[in-house]
């Protein structure tokens, strides 16, 4: 539900942070895919999607999958052609 509609991407990212900081739950590839997808559907938050891709790999050593990359590409496309970066 969070992935649909503008503005809800912020709530999705807030929940991602809360699960780690408050509840000490380590996210997995599915968690990150959901957060990145929310960025894609939330008006093309491509910079945040790319940041999450980097974070999942560097901070948590999570290997992205095809869904991860599809979601990041979608965020870049929604962001006005930022896929060129």
PDB file of N, CA and C in Angstrom:
ATOM      1  N   UNK A   1       0.823  -1.206   0.000  1.00  0.00           N
ATOM      2  CA  UNK A   1       0.000   0.000   0.000  1.00  0.00           C
ATOM      3  C   UNK A   1       0.854   1.251   0.000  1.00  0.00           C
ATOM      4  N   UNK A   2       1.988   1.202   0.702  1.00  0.00           N
ATOM      5  CA  UNK A   2       2.838   2.382   0.770  1.00  0.00           C
ATOM      6  C   UNK A   2       3.431   2.743  -0.580  1.00  0.00           C
ATOM      7  N   UNK A   3       3.614   1.761  -1.431  1.00  0.00           N
ATOM      8  CA  UNK A   3       4.256   2.013  -2.714  1.00  0.00           C
ATOM      9  C   UNK A   3       3.338   2.751  -3.682  1.00  0.00           C
ATOM     10  N   UNK A   4       2.056   2.838  -3.385  1.00  0.00           N
ATOM     11  CA  UNK A   4       1.122   3.498  -4.280  1.00  0.00           C
ATOM     12  C   UNK A   4       0.868   4.929  -3.831  1.00  0.00           C
ATOM     13  N   UNK A   5       0.873   5.832  -4.809  1.00  0.00           N
ATOM     14  CA  UNK A   5       0.515   7.210  -4.522  1.00  0.00           C
ATOM     15  C   UNK A   5       1.698   8.059  -4.104  1.00  0.00           C
ATOM     16  N   UNK A   6       1.628   9.334  -4.487  1.00  0.00           N
ATOM     17  CA  UNK A   6       2.689  10.267  -4.156  1.00  0.00           C
ATOM     18  C   UNK A   6       2.758  10.539  -2.672  1.00  0.00           C
ATOM     19  N   UNK A   7       3.949  10.758  -2.176  1.00  0.00           N
ATOM     20  CA  UNK A   7       4.132  11.077  -0.779  1.00  0.00           C
ATOM     21  C   UNK A   7       4.291   9.876   0.135  1.00  0.00           C
ATOM     22  N   UNK A   8       3.764   8.740  -0.273  1.00  0.00           N
ATOM     23  CA  UNK A   8       3.864   7.550   0.571  1.00  0.00           C
ATOM     24  C   UNK A   8       5.274   6.966   0.570  1.00  0.00           C
ATOM     25  N   UNK A   9       6.094   7.362  -0.416  1.00  0.00           N
ATOM     26  CA  UNK A   9       7.481   6.889  -0.435  1.00  0.00           C
ATOM     27  C   UNK A   9       8.213   7.361   0.820  1.00  0.00           C
ATOM     28  N   UNK A  10       7.850   8.541   1.306  1.00  0.00           N
ATOM     29  CA  UNK A  10       8.484   9.049   2.524  1.00  0.00           C
ATOM     30  C   UNK A  10       8.151   8.164   3.715  1.00  0.00           C
ATOM     31  N   UNK A  11       6.923   7.713   3.788  1.00  0.00           N
ATOM     32  CA  UNK A  11       6.497   6.816   4.879  1.00  0.00           C
ATOM     33  C   UNK A  11       7.218   5.474   4.778  1.00  0.00           C
ATOM     34  N   UNK A  12       7.355   4.967   3.559  1.00  0.00           N
ATOM     35  CA  UNK A  12       8.061   3.699   3.359  1.00  0.00           C
ATOM     36  C   UNK A  12       9.505   3.800   3.836  1.00  0.00           C
ATOM     37  N   UNK A  13      10.172   4.902   3.527  1.00  0.00           N
ATOM     38  CA  UNK A  13      11.561   5.086   3.957  1.00  0.00           C
ATOM     39  C   UNK A  13      11.653   5.288   5.464  1.00  0.00           C
ATOM     40  N   UNK A  14      10.649   5.918   6.031  1.00  0.00           N
ATOM     41  CA  UNK A  14      10.598   6.089   7.474  1.00  0.00           C
ATOM     42  C   UNK A  14      10.478   4.733   8.174  1.00  0.00           C
ATOM     43  N   UNK A  15       9.658   3.855   7.608  1.00  0.00           N
ATOM     44  CA  UNK A  15       9.511   2.511   8.177  1.00  0.00           C
ATOM     45  C   UNK A  15      10.798   1.702   8.041  1.00  0.00           C
ATOM     46  N   UNK A  16      11.501   1.867   6.928  1.00  0.00           N
ATOM     47  CA  UNK A  16      12.784   1.186   6.739  1.00  0.00           C
ATOM     48  C   UNK A  16      13.774   1.614   7.823  1.00  0.00           C
ATOM     49  N   UNK A  17      13.821   2.902   8.082  1.00  0.00           N
ATOM     50  CA  UNK A  17      14.712   3.411   9.126  1.00  0.00           C
ATOM     51  C   UNK A  17      14.271   2.946  10.509  1.00  0.00           C
ATOM     52  N   UNK A  18      12.968   2.997  10.761  1.00  0.00           N
ATOM     53  CA  UNK A  18      12.437   2.593  12.056  1.00  0.00           C
ATOM     54  C   UNK A  18      12.741   1.128  12.364  1.00  0.00           C
ATOM     55  N   UNK A  19      12.588   0.264  11.384  1.00  0.00           N
ATOM     56  CA  UNK A  19      12.823  -1.165  11.626  1.00  0.00           C
ATOM     57  C   UNK A  19      14.268  -1.427  12.028  1.00  0.00           C
ATOM     58  N   UNK A  20      15.179  -0.624  11.474  1.00  0.00           N
ATOM     59  CA  UNK A  20      16.591  -0.810  11.786  1.00  0.00           C
ATOM     60  C   UNK A  20      16.983  -0.155  13.111  1.00  0.00           C
ATOM     61  N   UNK A  21      16.567   1.087  13.289  1.00  0.00           N
ATOM     62  CA  UNK A  21      16.989   1.863  14.456  1.00  0.00           C
ATOM     63  C   UNK A  21      16.229   1.501  15.733  1.00  0.00           C
ATOM     64  N   UNK A  22      14.923   1.419  15.634  1.00  0.00           N
ATOM     65  CA  UNK A  22      14.101   1.211  16.819  1.00  0.00           C
ATOM     66  C   UNK A  22      13.968  -0.262  17.190  1.00  0.00           C
ATOM     67  N   UNK A  23      13.835  -1.110  16.166  1.00  0.00           N
ATOM     68  CA  UNK A  23      13.550  -2.521  16.423  1.00  0.00           C
ATOM     69  C   UNK A  23      14.737  -3.439  16.167  1.00  0.00           C
ATOM     70  N   UNK A  24      15.831  -2.855  15.659  1.00  0.00           N
ATOM     71  CA  UNK A  24      17.061  -3.626  15.393  1.00  0.00           C
ATOM     72  C   UNK A  24      16.824  -4.811  14.457  1.00  0.00           C
ATOM     73  N   UNK A  25      15.946  -4.610  13.467  1.00  0.00           N
ATOM     74  CA  UNK A  25      15.681  -5.626  12.464  1.00  0.00           C
ATOM     75  C   UNK A  25      16.530  -5.310  11.239  1.00  0.00           C
ATOM     76  N   UNK A  26      17.275  -6.282  10.774  1.00  0.00           N
ATOM     77  CA  UNK A  26      18.114  -6.086   9.603  1.00  0.00           C
ATOM     78  C   UNK A  26      17.285  -6.291   8.341  1.00  0.00           C
ATOM     79  N   UNK A  27      17.269  -5.298   7.447  1.00  0.00           N
ATOM     80  CA  UNK A  27      16.509  -5.457   6.211  1.00  0.00           C
ATOM     81  C   UNK A  27      17.146  -6.504   5.300  1.00  0.00           C
ATOM     82  N   UNK A  28      16.347  -7.029   4.374  1.00  0.00           N
ATOM     83  CA  UNK A  28      16.854  -7.981   3.393  1.00  0.00           C
ATOM     84  C   UNK A  28      16.578  -7.423   1.992  1.00  0.00           C
ATOM     85  N   UNK A  29      16.856  -8.217   0.976  1.00  0.00           N
ATOM     86  CA  UNK A  29      16.676  -7.743  -0.397  1.00  0.00           C
ATOM     87  C   UNK A  29      15.217  -7.386  -0.671  1.00  0.00           C
ATOM     88  N   UNK A  30      14.280  -8.109  -0.092  1.00  0.00           N
ATOM     89  CA  UNK A  30      12.860  -7.820  -0.305  1.00  0.00           C
ATOM     90  C   UNK A  30      12.484  -6.482   0.330  1.00  0.00           C
ATOM     91  N   UNK A  31      13.014  -6.213   1.503  1.00  0.00           N
ATOM     92  CA  UNK A  31      12.755  -4.936   2.168  1.00  0.00           C
ATOM     93  C   UNK A  31      13.249  -3.773   1.316  1.00  0.00           C
ATOM     94  N   UNK A  32      14.484  -3.898   0.848  1.00  0.00           N
ATOM     95  CA  UNK A  32      15.043  -2.831   0.013  1.00  0.00           C
ATOM     96  C   UNK A  32      14.300  -2.712  -1.308  1.00  0.00           C
ATOM     97  N   UNK A  33      13.916  -3.826  -1.909  1.00  0.00           N
ATOM     98  CA  UNK A  33      13.159  -3.766  -3.160  1.00  0.00           C
ATOM     99  C   UNK A  33      11.864  -2.994  -2.966  1.00  0.00           C
ATOM    100  N   UNK A  34      11.207  -3.224  -1.850  1.00  0.00           N
ATOM    101  CA  UNK A  34       9.951  -2.521  -1.564  1.00  0.00           C
ATOM    102  C   UNK A  34      10.186  -1.020  -1.390  1.00  0.00           C
ATOM    103  N   UNK A  35      11.236  -0.662  -0.674  1.00  0.00           N
ATOM    104  CA  UNK A  35      11.545   0.755  -0.457  1.00  0.00           C
ATOM    105  C   UNK A  35      11.917   1.439  -1.767  1.00  0.00           C
ATOM    106  N   UNK A  36      12.722   0.767  -2.588  1.00  0.00           N
ATOM    107  CA  UNK A  36      13.116   1.336  -3.883  1.00  0.00           C
ATOM    108  C   UNK A  36      11.903   1.465  -4.799  1.00  0.00           C
ATOM    109  N   UNK A  37      11.029   0.482  -4.771  1.00  0.00           N
ATOM    110  CA  UNK A  37       9.806   0.538  -5.566  1.00  0.00           C
ATOM    111  C   UNK A  37       8.933   1.713  -5.132  1.00  0.00           C
ATOM    112  N   UNK A  38       8.861   1.953  -3.833  1.00  0.00           N
ATOM    113  CA  UNK A  38       8.089   3.096  -3.327  1.00  0.00           C
ATOM    114  C   UNK A  38       8.669   4.403  -3.869  1.00  0.00           C
ATOM    115  N   UNK A  39       9.987   4.484  -3.953  1.00  0.00           N
ATOM    116  CA  UNK A  39      10.625   5.681  -4.521  1.00  0.00           C
ATOM    117  C   UNK A  39      10.271   5.836  -5.999  1.00  0.00           C
ATOM    118  N   UNK A  40      10.235   4.730  -6.710  1.00  0.00           N
ATOM    119  CA  UNK A  40       9.899   4.763  -8.137  1.00  0.00           C
ATOM    120  C   UNK A  40       8.462   5.235  -8.350  1.00  0.00           C
ATOM    121  N   UNK A  41       7.556   4.761  -7.507  1.00  0.00           N
ATOM    122  CA  UNK A  41       6.139   5.082  -7.660  1.00  0.00           C
ATOM    123  C   UNK A  41       5.769   6.405  -7.013  1.00  0.00           C
ATOM    124  N   UNK A  42       6.690   6.971  -6.276  1.00  0.00           N
ATOM    125  CA  UNK A  42       6.418   8.219  -5.573  1.00  0.00           C
ATOM    126  C   UNK A  42       6.913   9.443  -6.305  1.00  0.00           C
ATOM    127  N   UNK A  43       6.773   9.442  -7.600  1.00  0.00           N
ATOM    128  CA  UNK A  43       7.158  10.625  -8.362  1.00  0.00           C
ATOM    129  C   UNK A  43       8.600  10.602  -8.818  1.00  0.00           C
ATOM    130  N   UNK A  44       9.159   9.431  -8.936  1.00  0.00           N
ATOM    131  CA  UNK A  44      10.513   9.319  -9.474  1.00  0.00           C
ATOM    132  C   UNK A  44      11.594   9.830  -8.545  1.00  0.00           C
ATOM    133  N   UNK A  45      11.590   9.347  -7.355  1.00  0.00           N
ATOM    134  CA  UNK A  45      12.620   9.720  -6.379  1.00  0.00           C
ATOM    135  C   UNK A  45      13.900   8.945  -6.703  1.00  0.00           C
ATOM    136  N   UNK A  46      14.448   9.209  -7.883  1.00  0.00           N
ATOM    137  CA  UNK A  46      15.561   8.424  -8.423  1.00  0.00           C
ATOM    138  C   UNK A  46      16.827   8.545  -7.600  1.00  0.00           C
ATOM    139  N   UNK A  47      17.103   9.725  -7.054  1.00  0.00           N
ATOM    140  CA  UNK A  47      18.320   9.892  -6.254  1.00  0.00           C
ATOM    141  C   UNK A  47      18.253   9.024  -5.002  1.00  0.00           C
ATOM    142  N   UNK A  48      17.096   8.993  -4.381  1.00  0.00           N
ATOM    143  CA  UNK A  48      16.928   8.172  -3.177  1.00  0.00           C
ATOM    144  C   UNK A  48      16.986   6.687  -3.529  1.00  0.00           C
ATOM    145  N   UNK A  49      16.421   6.316  -4.662  1.00  0.00           N
ATOM    146  CA  UNK A  49      16.479   4.916  -5.100  1.00  0.00           C
ATOM    147  C   UNK A  49      17.930   4.479  -5.305  1.00  0.00           C
ATOM    148  N   UNK A  50      18.723   5.314  -5.945  1.00  0.00           N
ATOM    149  CA  UNK A  50      20.139   4.995  -6.154  1.00  0.00           C
ATOM    150  C   UNK A  50      20.890   4.938  -4.825  1.00  0.00           C
ATOM    151  N   UNK A  51      20.524   5.819  -3.910  1.00  0.00           N
ATOM    152  CA  UNK A  51      21.136   5.816  -2.579  1.00  0.00           C
ATOM    153  C   UNK A  51      20.822   4.523  -1.826  1.00  0.00           C
ATOM    154  N   UNK A  52      19.588   4.055  -1.935  1.00  0.00           N
ATOM    155  CA  UNK A  52      19.204   2.804  -1.291  1.00  0.00           C
ATOM    156  C   UNK A  52      19.938   1.611  -1.902  1.00  0.00           C
ATOM    157  N   UNK A  53      20.121   1.638  -3.224  1.00  0.00           N
ATOM    158  CA  UNK A  53      20.872   0.578  -3.890  1.00  0.00           C
ATOM    159  C   UNK A  53      22.288   0.504  -3.338  1.00  0.00           C
ATOM    160  N   UNK A  54      22.904   1.662  -3.195  1.00  0.00           N
ATOM    161  CA  UNK A  54      24.263   1.723  -2.652  1.00  0.00           C
ATOM    162  C   UNK A  54      24.292   1.279  -1.190  1.00  0.00           C
ATOM    163  N   UNK A  55      23.325   1.758  -0.415  1.00  0.00           N
ATOM    164  CA  UNK A  55      23.252   1.422   1.010  1.00  0.00           C
ATOM    165  C   UNK A  55      23.100  -0.077   1.244  1.00  0.00           C
ATOM    166  N   UNK A  56      22.233  -0.701   0.478  1.00  0.00           N
ATOM    167  CA  UNK A  56      21.987  -2.133   0.694  1.00  0.00           C
ATOM    168  C   UNK A  56      23.241  -2.955   0.423  1.00  0.00           C
ATOM    169  N   UNK A  57      24.036  -2.505  -0.541  1.00  0.00           N
ATOM    170  CA  UNK A  57      25.248  -3.237  -0.890  1.00  0.00           C
ATOM    171  C   UNK A  57      26.390  -2.954   0.083  1.00  0.00           C
ATOM    172  N   UNK A  58      26.576  -1.687   0.421  1.00  0.00           N
ATOM    173  CA  UNK A  58      27.729  -1.308   1.236  1.00  0.00           C
ATOM    174  C   UNK A  58      27.504  -1.477   2.732  1.00  0.00           C
ATOM    175  N   UNK A  59      26.332  -1.092   3.205  1.00  0.00           N
ATOM    176  CA  UNK A  59      26.066  -1.151   4.646  1.00  0.00           C
ATOM    177  C   UNK A  59      25.690  -2.551   5.110  1.00  0.00           C
ATOM    178  N   UNK A  60      24.887  -3.249   4.294  1.00  0.00           N
ATOM    179  CA  UNK A  60      24.352  -4.542   4.719  1.00  0.00           C
ATOM    180  C   UNK A  60      24.890  -5.729   3.921  1.00  0.00           C
ATOM    181  N   UNK A  61      25.702  -5.445   2.900  1.00  0.00           N
ATOM    182  CA  UNK A  61      26.266  -6.511   2.057  1.00  0.00           C
ATOM    183  C   UNK A  61      25.174  -7.383   1.436  1.00  0.00           C
ATOM    184  N   UNK A  62      24.085  -6.736   1.031  1.00  0.00           N
ATOM    185  CA  UNK A  62      22.973  -7.430   0.385  1.00  0.00           C
ATOM    186  C   UNK A  62      23.187  -7.352  -1.124  1.00  0.00           C
ATOM    187  N   UNK A  63      23.084  -8.483  -1.780  1.00  0.00           N
ATOM    188  CA  UNK A  63      23.234  -8.529  -3.228  1.00  0.00           C
ATOM    189  C   UNK A  63      21.911  -8.174  -3.901  1.00  0.00           C
ATOM    190  N   UNK A  64      21.908  -7.134  -4.736  1.00  0.00           N
ATOM    191  CA  UNK A  64      20.683  -6.784  -5.453  1.00  0.00           C
ATOM    192  C   UNK A  64      20.284  -7.906  -6.410  1.00  0.00           C
ATOM    193  N   UNK A  65      18.982  -8.002  -6.687  1.00  0.00           N
ATOM    194  CA  UNK A  65      18.502  -8.976  -7.655  1.00  0.00           C
ATOM    195  C   UNK A  65      17.869  -8.233  -8.832  1.00  0.00           C
ATOM    196  N   UNK A  66      17.287  -8.972  -9.736  1.00  0.00           N
ATOM    197  CA  UNK A  66      16.704  -8.358 -10.927  1.00  0.00           C
ATOM    198  C   UNK A  66      15.571  -7.399 -10.552  1.00  0.00           C
ATOM    199  N   UNK A  67      14.840  -7.699  -9.512  1.00  0.00           N
ATOM    200  CA  UNK A  67      13.759  -6.808  -9.071  1.00  0.00           C
ATOM    201  C   UNK A  67      14.338  -5.491  -8.551  1.00  0.00           C
ATOM    202  N   UNK A  68      15.450  -5.571  -7.840  1.00  0.00           N
ATOM    203  CA  UNK A  68      16.109  -4.360  -7.346  1.00  0.00           C
ATOM    204  C   UNK A  68      16.458  -3.436  -8.508  1.00  0.00           C
ATOM    205  N   UNK A  69      17.140  -4.000  -9.493  1.00  0.00           N
ATOM    206  CA  UNK A  69      17.560  -3.185 -10.639  1.00  0.00           C
ATOM    207  C   UNK A  69      16.368  -2.671 -11.441  1.00  0.00           C
ATOM    208  N   UNK A  70      15.334  -3.485 -11.607  1.00  0.00           N
ATOM    209  CA  UNK A  70      14.131  -3.026 -12.312  1.00  0.00           C
ATOM    210  C   UNK A  70      13.505  -1.833 -11.594  1.00  0.00           C
ATOM    211  N   UNK A  71      13.469  -1.888 -10.264  1.00  0.00           N
ATOM    212  CA  UNK A  71      12.875  -0.801  -9.481  1.00  0.00           C
ATOM    213  C   UNK A  71      13.701   0.474  -9.570  1.00  0.00           C
ATOM    214  N   UNK A  72      15.024   0.340  -9.528  1.00  0.00           N
ATOM    215  CA  UNK A  72      15.892   1.519  -9.650  1.00  0.00           C
ATOM    216  C   UNK A  72      15.741   2.135 -11.041  1.00  0.00           C
ATOM    217  N   UNK A  73      15.704   1.298 -12.063  1.00  0.00           N
ATOM    218  CA  UNK A  73      15.530   1.788 -13.432  1.00  0.00           C
ATOM    219  C   UNK A  73      14.187   2.510 -13.563  1.00  0.00           C
ATOM    220  N   UNK A  74      13.145   1.956 -12.964  1.00  0.00           N
ATOM    221  CA  UNK A  74      11.829   2.611 -12.996  1.00  0.00           C
ATOM    222  C   UNK A  74      11.865   3.973 -12.320  1.00  0.00           C
ATOM    223  N   UNK A  75      12.558   4.052 -11.190  1.00  0.00           N
ATOM    224  CA  UNK A  75      12.675   5.337 -10.483  1.00  0.00           C
ATOM    225  C   UNK A  75      13.388   6.362 -11.357  1.00  0.00           C
ATOM    226  N   UNK A  76      14.435   5.929 -12.018  1.00  0.00           N
ATOM    227  CA  UNK A  76      15.166   6.847 -12.909  1.00  0.00           C
ATOM    228  C   UNK A  76      14.293   7.293 -14.086  1.00  0.00           C
ATOM    229  N   UNK A  77      13.524   6.368 -14.642  1.00  0.00           N
ATOM    230  CA  UNK A  77      12.644   6.698 -15.758  1.00  0.00           C
ATOM    231  C   UNK A  77      11.552   7.680 -15.321  1.00  0.00           C
ATOM    232  N   UNK A  78      10.999   7.471 -14.138  1.00  0.00           N
ATOM    233  CA  UNK A  78       9.960   8.356 -13.617  1.00  0.00           C
ATOM    234  C   UNK A  78      10.523   9.719 -13.252  1.00  0.00           C
ATOM    235  N   UNK A  79      11.821   9.762 -13.015  1.00  0.00           N
ATOM    236  CA  UNK A  79      12.471  11.013 -12.616  1.00  0.00           C
ATOM    237  C   UNK A  79      12.851  11.908 -13.772  1.00  0.00           C
ATOM    238  N   UNK A  80      12.329  11.642 -14.939  1.00  0.00           N
ATOM    239  CA  UNK A  80      12.571  12.529 -16.064  1.00  0.00           C
ATOM    240  C   UNK A  80      13.814  12.189 -16.861  1.00  0.00           C
ATOM    241  N   UNK A  81      14.039  10.917 -17.099  1.00  0.00           N
ATOM    242  CA  UNK A  81      15.154  10.524 -17.946  1.00  0.00           C
ATOM    243  C   UNK A  81      16.486  10.478 -17.239  1.00  0.00           C
ATOM    244  N   UNK A  82      16.484  10.302 -15.915  1.00  0.00           N
ATOM    245  CA  UNK A  82      17.727  10.272 -15.167  1.00  0.00           C
ATOM    246  C   UNK A  82      18.484   8.965 -15.342  1.00  0.00           C
ATOM    247  N   UNK A  83      17.948   8.058 -16.128  1.00  0.00           N
ATOM    248  CA  UNK A  83      18.608   6.779 -16.391  1.00  0.00           C
ATOM    249  C   UNK A  83      19.939   6.999 -17.079  1.00  0.00           C
ATOM    250  N   UNK A  84      20.139   8.156 -17.684  1.00  0.00           N
ATOM    251  CA  UNK A  84      21.388   8.431 -18.408  1.00  0.00           C
ATOM    252  C   UNK A  84      22.575   8.590 -17.469  1.00  0.00           C
ATOM    253  N   UNK A  85      22.329   8.826 -16.206  1.00  0.00           N
ATOM    254  CA  UNK A  85      23.421   9.073 -15.257  1.00  0.00           C
ATOM    255  C   UNK A  85      24.172   7.847 -14.995  1.00  0.00           C
TER     256      UNK A  85
END
